[in-house]
Protein backbone atom coordinates (compact mmCIF):
# COMPACT_ATOMS: atom_id res chain seq x y z
CA MET A 1 69.11 160.86 112.50
CA VAL A 2 68.35 161.46 116.16
CA GLY A 3 67.14 164.37 118.28
CA SER A 4 66.36 167.79 116.86
CA GLU A 5 68.37 170.80 115.70
CA GLU A 6 67.65 172.36 119.10
CA SER A 7 68.63 169.39 121.26
CA ARG A 8 72.02 169.39 122.96
CA LEU A 9 74.10 166.27 123.50
CA VAL A 10 76.82 166.73 126.10
CA VAL A 11 79.32 163.92 126.66
CA VAL A 12 81.32 164.09 129.91
CA ARG A 13 84.10 161.49 130.13
CA GLY A 14 87.00 160.84 132.47
CA ASN A 15 88.47 158.34 134.87
CA SER A 16 86.76 157.00 137.97
CA ALA A 17 86.42 159.71 140.64
CA SER A 18 87.21 162.53 138.21
CA GLY A 19 83.94 164.32 138.99
CA LYS A 20 81.77 163.26 136.04
CA SER A 21 78.66 162.42 138.06
CA SER A 22 78.97 165.58 140.14
CA VAL A 23 79.30 167.71 137.01
CA ALA A 24 76.30 165.98 135.39
CA ALA A 25 74.19 166.51 138.53
CA GLY A 26 75.27 170.16 138.59
CA LEU A 27 74.25 170.62 134.98
CA ARG A 28 70.83 169.15 135.63
CA GLU A 29 70.32 171.21 138.76
CA ARG A 30 71.31 174.38 136.93
CA PHE A 31 69.25 173.66 133.81
CA GLY A 32 66.11 172.15 135.34
CA ARG A 33 63.56 169.91 133.63
CA GLY A 34 64.16 168.82 130.07
CA LEU A 35 67.73 167.63 130.57
CA ALA A 36 68.20 163.86 130.88
CA LEU A 37 71.18 162.29 132.63
CA VAL A 38 72.39 159.09 131.02
CA GLY A 39 74.96 157.74 133.45
CA GLN A 40 77.10 154.81 132.33
CA ASP A 41 77.51 153.39 135.85
CA ASN A 42 73.84 153.53 136.72
CA LEU A 43 72.60 152.15 133.43
CA ARG A 44 75.24 149.48 132.94
CA ARG A 45 75.80 148.30 136.53
CA ILE A 46 72.46 148.97 138.23
CA VAL A 47 69.73 148.85 135.57
CA LEU A 48 71.21 146.20 133.25
CA ARG A 49 73.79 144.55 135.52
CA GLU A 50 76.17 144.02 132.64
CA ARG A 51 79.92 144.14 132.26
CA ASP A 52 81.69 146.94 130.42
CA ARG A 53 82.37 145.57 126.96
CA PRO A 54 82.95 147.05 123.52
CA GLY A 55 79.84 147.33 121.39
CA ALA A 56 77.33 147.18 124.24
CA ALA A 57 74.18 149.04 123.22
CA ASN A 58 73.23 150.27 126.70
CA ILE A 59 74.34 153.91 126.51
CA ASP A 60 73.73 154.44 122.81
CA LEU A 61 70.12 153.26 122.74
CA THR A 62 69.16 155.21 125.85
CA ALA A 63 70.76 158.46 124.63
CA ARG A 64 69.05 158.13 121.26
CA TYR A 65 65.68 157.41 122.85
CA VAL A 66 65.71 160.44 125.15
CA LEU A 67 67.05 162.75 122.42
CA ASP A 68 64.15 161.65 120.21
CA ALA A 69 61.77 162.25 123.12
CA GLY A 70 62.75 165.93 123.11
CA TYR A 71 65.30 166.06 125.93
CA HIS A 72 68.77 167.51 126.00
CA VAL A 73 71.15 164.74 127.11
CA VAL A 74 74.16 164.66 129.37
CA LEU A 75 75.89 161.34 128.78
CA GLU A 76 78.49 160.68 131.45
CA GLY A 77 80.86 157.85 132.21
CA ILE A 78 84.38 156.56 131.91
CA LEU A 79 83.41 155.54 128.37
CA TYR A 80 86.86 154.24 127.37
CA ALA A 81 87.85 155.50 123.93
CA ASP A 82 88.59 151.99 122.62
CA HIS A 83 85.27 150.60 123.89
CA TYR A 84 82.95 153.52 123.11
CA GLY A 85 84.79 155.74 120.60
CA ASP A 86 83.06 154.36 117.50
CA MET A 87 79.64 154.47 119.16
CA LEU A 88 80.17 158.06 120.35
CA ALA A 89 81.38 159.09 116.88
CA GLN A 90 78.26 157.58 115.27
CA LEU A 91 75.99 159.20 117.86
CA ARG A 92 77.68 162.56 117.19
CA THR A 93 77.18 162.08 113.43
CA ASP A 94 73.53 161.05 113.83
CA HIS A 95 72.57 163.82 116.28
CA ARG A 96 70.80 166.68 114.48
CA GLY A 97 71.72 169.28 117.09
CA PRO A 98 74.99 170.43 118.62
CA THR A 99 77.13 167.81 120.35
CA HIS A 100 79.80 168.80 122.86
CA GLY A 101 82.47 166.59 124.42
CA TYR A 102 84.35 167.19 127.66
CA TYR A 103 87.10 165.13 129.24
CA LEU A 104 87.83 165.60 132.95
CA ASP A 105 91.59 165.18 133.22
CA VAL A 106 92.40 164.31 136.82
CA PRO A 107 95.74 162.77 137.88
CA PHE A 108 95.66 159.33 139.50
CA GLY A 109 96.66 160.62 142.95
CA GLU A 110 93.74 163.04 142.97
CA THR A 111 91.31 160.31 141.90
CA LEU A 112 92.46 158.29 144.95
CA THR A 113 91.76 161.23 147.23
CA ARG A 114 88.33 161.84 145.71
CA HIS A 115 87.47 158.14 145.72
CA ALA A 116 88.12 157.94 149.47
CA SER A 117 85.09 160.17 150.11
CA LYS A 118 82.69 158.04 148.02
CA PRO A 119 80.23 155.52 149.52
CA ILE A 120 81.87 152.71 147.49
CA ALA A 121 85.37 153.46 148.83
CA ASP A 122 85.41 150.33 150.99
CA ASP A 123 84.33 148.12 148.07
CA ILE A 124 86.83 149.31 145.45
CA ASP A 125 90.50 149.47 146.37
CA GLU A 126 93.52 151.30 144.93
CA ARG A 127 94.52 148.31 142.79
CA GLN A 128 91.13 148.30 141.05
CA LEU A 129 91.26 152.06 140.50
CA ARG A 130 94.76 151.71 139.06
CA ASP A 131 93.54 148.95 136.69
CA TRP A 132 90.72 151.19 135.46
CA TYR A 133 92.82 154.36 135.16
CA ARG A 134 93.82 155.50 131.67
CA GLU A 135 95.82 158.68 131.39
CA ARG A 136 94.27 161.19 128.94
CA ASP A 137 92.07 158.62 127.20
CA LEU A 138 90.91 161.20 124.66
CA LEU A 139 88.74 160.50 121.66
CA PRO A 140 90.50 161.02 118.32
CA GLY A 141 90.13 164.22 116.34
CA GLY A 142 90.39 166.75 119.17
CA ILE A 143 86.60 166.74 119.68
CA GLU A 144 86.75 167.03 123.46
CA THR A 145 87.45 170.03 125.63
CA VAL A 146 89.89 168.97 128.35
CA ILE A 147 89.12 170.30 131.82
CA GLY A 148 91.84 169.90 134.44
CA ALA A 149 91.60 168.99 138.11
CA ASP A 150 92.21 172.64 139.03
CA SER A 151 88.73 173.58 137.80
CA ALA A 152 86.30 173.73 140.73
CA LEU A 153 82.94 172.01 140.33
CA HIS A 154 80.97 175.25 139.94
CA GLU A 155 83.52 176.54 137.40
CA THR A 156 83.25 173.34 135.36
CA VAL A 157 79.44 173.46 135.41
CA ASP A 158 79.51 177.14 134.40
CA ARG A 159 81.95 176.41 131.59
CA ILE A 160 79.82 173.59 130.17
CA MET A 161 76.53 175.47 130.58
CA ASN A 162 77.97 178.40 128.62
CA GLY A 163 79.98 176.34 126.11
CA THR A 164 76.98 174.24 125.11
CA GLY A 165 74.45 177.06 125.08
CA LEU A 166 72.37 175.37 127.80
CA ALA A 167 72.74 178.50 129.93
CA HIS A 168 70.66 180.42 127.37
CA LEU A 169 67.92 177.87 126.78
CA PRO A 170 64.69 177.63 128.78
CA ALA A 171 63.96 174.58 130.91
CA VAL A 172 61.06 172.47 129.72
CA ASP A 173 58.00 172.05 131.94
CA ARG A 174 57.54 168.28 131.97
């Protein structure tokens, strides 16, 4: 078992440039201290410099560690269902507190538009984005709330803050 009955685990998944990192940053800003961001890109590509492969322990171990340390966790990333579905299901089962899943469903054309404004836009081209893109790569069992591209950033953050109960919990002074 991991975390506590009070800890929240929030999983935010979606394709590249769907807004996952912006939503996660908005959740942290709104909540304050006591909410850890576990970002797949940062952990896998920057900290560990590893390839995305099924069964990699990077995300799982970090999420478990910070839940056990008393933090709420926002786990965000593409987190392909076929690569990470089993790990996310086990993490959900092992977490003592509420776990909430959200999938940001953004059409490919919109991801191209959003990607163009990112600092890495010159390094990653349309072909690469197309290779990475998986339409509605939902986890089985209907365990994710799907949020469409028509939801503005502040609306998405509000929805998740309220849906998870984070809006009603005090920040932790760490």
